[in-house]
């Protein structure tokens, strides 16, 4: 009898852990975009930022900020965080830049040379516009996947509860048989 209760408690704790992890992970990336910058030495820096305009300003180690342009036609989706099972990760908007090139890399044709001004020059410019296209596309994509994720978690929860109940009933029946046979 105590083994059954232990199994049910363990399965319940696993379910609670998964639910808490999903809620924390989801709240961390809500409304944010992952910016990846490829440095000249082929190393990368990643920033999880909330976009408010069509530009994003990144602080650098040398103390000078760099401003990168947001181009909604070059947004890709990426699973975040990059570790763990797929069901525990969220798809978020993702843009990739090369260091000091204000234009995002085109996923279909990657180029490293800037088209015009450098990222530091763009910082001096103040032409602000709204980024509604990016946020609306990201919201609609994540809402669809959220529904699928919730359905999957619900099914897993129901299966876990059903297995726990079946194990409990099986153990009770085995104990009844032991009493009948042994008695």
Protein backbone atom coordinates (compact mmCIF):
# COMPACT_ATOMS: atom_id res chain seq x y z
CA UNK A 1 0.00 0.00 0.00
CA UNK A 2 2.81 2.42 0.82
CA UNK A 3 4.53 1.74 -2.54
CA UNK A 4 1.39 2.87 -4.34
CA UNK A 5 1.23 6.09 -2.38
CA UNK A 6 4.94 6.68 -3.04
CA UNK A 7 4.45 6.23 -6.78
CA UNK A 8 1.47 8.59 -6.80
CA UNK A 9 3.41 11.21 -4.81
CA UNK A 10 6.42 10.94 -7.14
CA UNK A 11 4.26 11.27 -10.26
CA UNK A 12 2.47 14.25 -8.69
CA UNK A 13 5.78 15.96 -7.86
CA UNK A 14 7.02 15.42 -11.42
CA UNK A 15 3.80 16.96 -12.75
CA UNK A 16 4.11 19.95 -10.43
CA UNK A 17 7.77 20.47 -11.45
CA UNK A 18 6.87 20.44 -15.15
CA UNK A 19 3.99 22.88 -14.62
CA UNK A 20 6.15 25.31 -12.59
CA UNK A 21 8.98 25.10 -15.14
CA UNK A 22 6.57 25.87 -18.00
CA UNK A 23 5.02 28.83 -16.19
CA UNK A 24 8.39 30.36 -15.26
CA UNK A 25 9.82 29.76 -18.74
CA UNK A 26 6.74 31.23 -20.42
CA UNK A 27 6.71 34.35 -18.25
CA UNK A 28 10.42 34.94 -18.90
CA UNK A 29 10.03 35.07 -22.69
CA UNK A 30 6.57 36.66 -22.92
CA UNK A 31 6.70 39.49 -25.49
CA UNK A 32 10.48 39.25 -25.95
CA UNK A 33 12.75 38.58 -28.90
CA UNK A 34 16.06 36.76 -28.92
CA UNK A 35 18.83 38.80 -30.55
CA UNK A 36 21.97 36.90 -31.56
CA UNK A 37 25.06 38.87 -32.58
CA UNK A 38 27.90 37.09 -34.36
CA UNK A 39 31.27 38.66 -33.53
CA UNK A 40 34.21 38.87 -35.96
CA UNK A 41 36.00 36.08 -34.03
CA UNK A 42 32.95 33.82 -34.71
CA UNK A 43 31.80 33.93 -31.08
CA UNK A 44 28.20 34.90 -30.38
CA UNK A 45 26.37 37.04 -27.85
CA UNK A 46 22.67 36.54 -27.18
CA UNK A 47 20.26 39.05 -25.67
CA UNK A 48 16.64 38.45 -24.71
CA UNK A 49 15.04 41.87 -25.22
CA UNK A 50 11.60 43.42 -25.20
CA UNK A 51 11.15 45.43 -28.41
CA UNK A 52 9.40 48.77 -28.22
CA UNK A 53 10.45 50.32 -31.52
CA UNK A 54 11.87 49.22 -34.85
CA UNK A 55 15.36 49.35 -33.36
CA UNK A 56 17.09 47.69 -30.45
CA UNK A 57 20.01 49.23 -28.56
CA UNK A 58 22.62 46.84 -27.16
CA UNK A 59 25.24 47.98 -24.64
CA UNK A 60 28.81 46.93 -25.44
CA UNK A 61 31.79 46.25 -23.19
CA UNK A 62 33.65 49.28 -24.59
CA UNK A 63 30.89 51.52 -23.20
CA UNK A 64 29.42 52.50 -26.57
CA UNK A 65 25.94 51.33 -27.47
CA UNK A 66 25.11 49.73 -30.80
CA UNK A 67 21.69 50.05 -32.39
CA UNK A 68 20.34 47.30 -34.61
CA UNK A 69 17.38 47.66 -37.00
CA UNK A 70 14.41 45.28 -36.66
CA UNK A 71 13.29 43.86 -40.01
CA UNK A 72 10.14 41.76 -39.58
CA UNK A 73 10.72 39.94 -42.88
CA UNK A 74 13.92 38.43 -41.43
CA UNK A 75 12.46 37.16 -38.17
CA UNK A 76 12.93 33.45 -37.56
CA UNK A 77 11.50 31.25 -34.84
CA UNK A 78 13.76 29.60 -32.27
CA UNK A 79 13.17 27.28 -29.34
CA UNK A 80 14.11 28.91 -26.04
CA UNK A 81 15.80 27.89 -23.82
CA UNK A 82 18.10 25.90 -26.07
CA UNK A 83 18.27 22.91 -23.70
CA UNK A 84 15.79 20.36 -22.39
CA UNK A 85 12.96 18.42 -23.98
CA UNK A 86 11.10 20.15 -26.82
CA UNK A 87 7.81 20.16 -24.88
CA UNK A 88 9.41 22.34 -22.17
CA UNK A 89 10.70 25.00 -24.59
CA UNK A 90 8.95 28.02 -26.15
CA UNK A 91 9.20 29.24 -29.74
CA UNK A 92 10.18 32.92 -29.73
CA UNK A 93 11.03 35.46 -32.45
CA UNK A 94 14.75 35.44 -33.28
CA UNK A 95 16.96 37.83 -35.24
CA UNK A 96 20.63 37.27 -36.08
CA UNK A 97 23.12 40.07 -36.71
CA UNK A 98 26.83 40.31 -37.42
CA UNK A 99 28.66 42.67 -35.04
CA UNK A 100 28.40 46.33 -36.11
CA UNK A 101 26.01 45.55 -38.99
CA UNK A 102 22.65 47.15 -38.15
CA UNK A 103 20.70 44.97 -40.60
CA UNK A 104 19.66 41.46 -39.54
CA UNK A 105 21.01 38.53 -41.52
CA UNK A 106 18.64 37.27 -44.17
CA UNK A 107 17.87 33.63 -43.37
CA UNK A 108 17.68 32.80 -47.08
CA UNK A 109 20.87 34.67 -48.07
CA UNK A 110 23.33 35.31 -45.24
CA UNK A 111 25.71 38.24 -45.81
CA UNK A 112 28.14 39.72 -43.31
CA UNK A 113 28.90 43.11 -44.86
CA UNK A 114 26.74 46.13 -43.89
CA UNK A 115 24.44 47.62 -46.55
CA UNK A 116 25.00 51.20 -45.42
CA UNK A 117 25.56 52.79 -42.05
CA UNK A 118 27.25 50.93 -39.22
CA UNK A 119 25.37 50.04 -36.04
CA UNK A 120 27.12 52.82 -34.10
CA UNK A 121 26.09 55.39 -36.73
CA UNK A 122 22.47 54.25 -36.53
CA UNK A 123 22.56 54.96 -32.78
CA UNK A 124 22.85 58.67 -33.58
CA UNK A 125 19.75 58.61 -35.80
CA UNK A 126 16.33 59.09 -34.17
CA UNK A 127 13.83 57.83 -36.74
CA UNK A 128 11.36 55.83 -34.56
CA UNK A 129 8.51 53.71 -35.94
CA UNK A 130 6.18 51.06 -34.58
CA UNK A 131 7.01 47.35 -34.73
CA UNK A 132 3.46 46.04 -34.71
CA UNK A 133 4.14 43.57 -37.53
CA UNK A 134 6.70 41.68 -35.46
CA UNK A 135 4.69 41.59 -32.26
CA UNK A 136 1.44 40.56 -33.97
CA UNK A 137 3.15 37.75 -35.90
CA UNK A 138 4.89 36.49 -32.78
CA UNK A 139 1.69 36.62 -30.72
CA UNK A 140 -0.39 34.67 -33.24
CA UNK A 141 2.31 32.00 -33.62
CA UNK A 142 2.80 31.51 -29.88
CA UNK A 143 -0.96 31.39 -29.15
CA UNK A 144 -1.38 28.40 -31.49
CA UNK A 145 1.52 26.55 -29.90
CA UNK A 146 0.30 27.42 -26.39
CA UNK A 147 -3.03 25.68 -27.02
CA UNK A 148 -1.26 22.57 -28.29
CA UNK A 149 1.09 22.63 -25.28
CA UNK A 150 -1.80 22.95 -22.80
CA UNK A 151 -3.67 20.08 -24.44
CA UNK A 152 -0.54 17.90 -24.33
CA UNK A 153 0.08 18.71 -20.65
CA UNK A 154 -3.56 17.98 -19.83
CA UNK A 155 -3.41 14.61 -21.59
CA UNK A 156 -0.15 13.75 -19.78
CA UNK A 157 -1.72 14.76 -16.46
CA UNK A 158 -4.81 12.63 -17.07
CA UNK A 159 -2.66 9.65 -18.08
CA UNK A 160 -0.50 10.12 -14.97
CA UNK A 161 -3.55 10.19 -12.70
CA UNK A 162 -5.08 7.16 -14.46
CA UNK A 163 -1.84 5.18 -14.09
CA UNK A 164 -1.65 6.11 -10.41
CA UNK A 165 -5.22 4.97 -9.82
CA UNK A 166 -4.63 1.72 -11.71
CA UNK A 167 -1.49 1.00 -9.70
CA UNK A 168 -3.40 1.71 -6.49
CA UNK A 169 -6.25 -0.62 -7.46
CA UNK A 170 -3.84 -3.31 -8.62
CA UNK A 171 -1.89 -3.17 -5.36
CA UNK A 172 -5.14 -3.34 -3.37
CA UNK A 173 -6.27 -6.40 -5.35
CA UNK A 174 -2.86 -8.07 -4.91
CA UNK A 175 -3.08 -7.48 -1.15
CA UNK A 176 -6.61 -8.96 -1.11
CA UNK A 177 -5.36 -12.07 -2.95
CA UNK A 178 -2.47 -12.43 -0.49
CA UNK A 179 -4.92 -12.38 2.42
CA UNK A 180 -7.18 -14.97 0.73
CA UNK A 181 -4.31 -17.26 -0.33
CA UNK A 182 -2.27 -16.82 2.83
CA UNK A 183 -5.24 -16.89 5.19
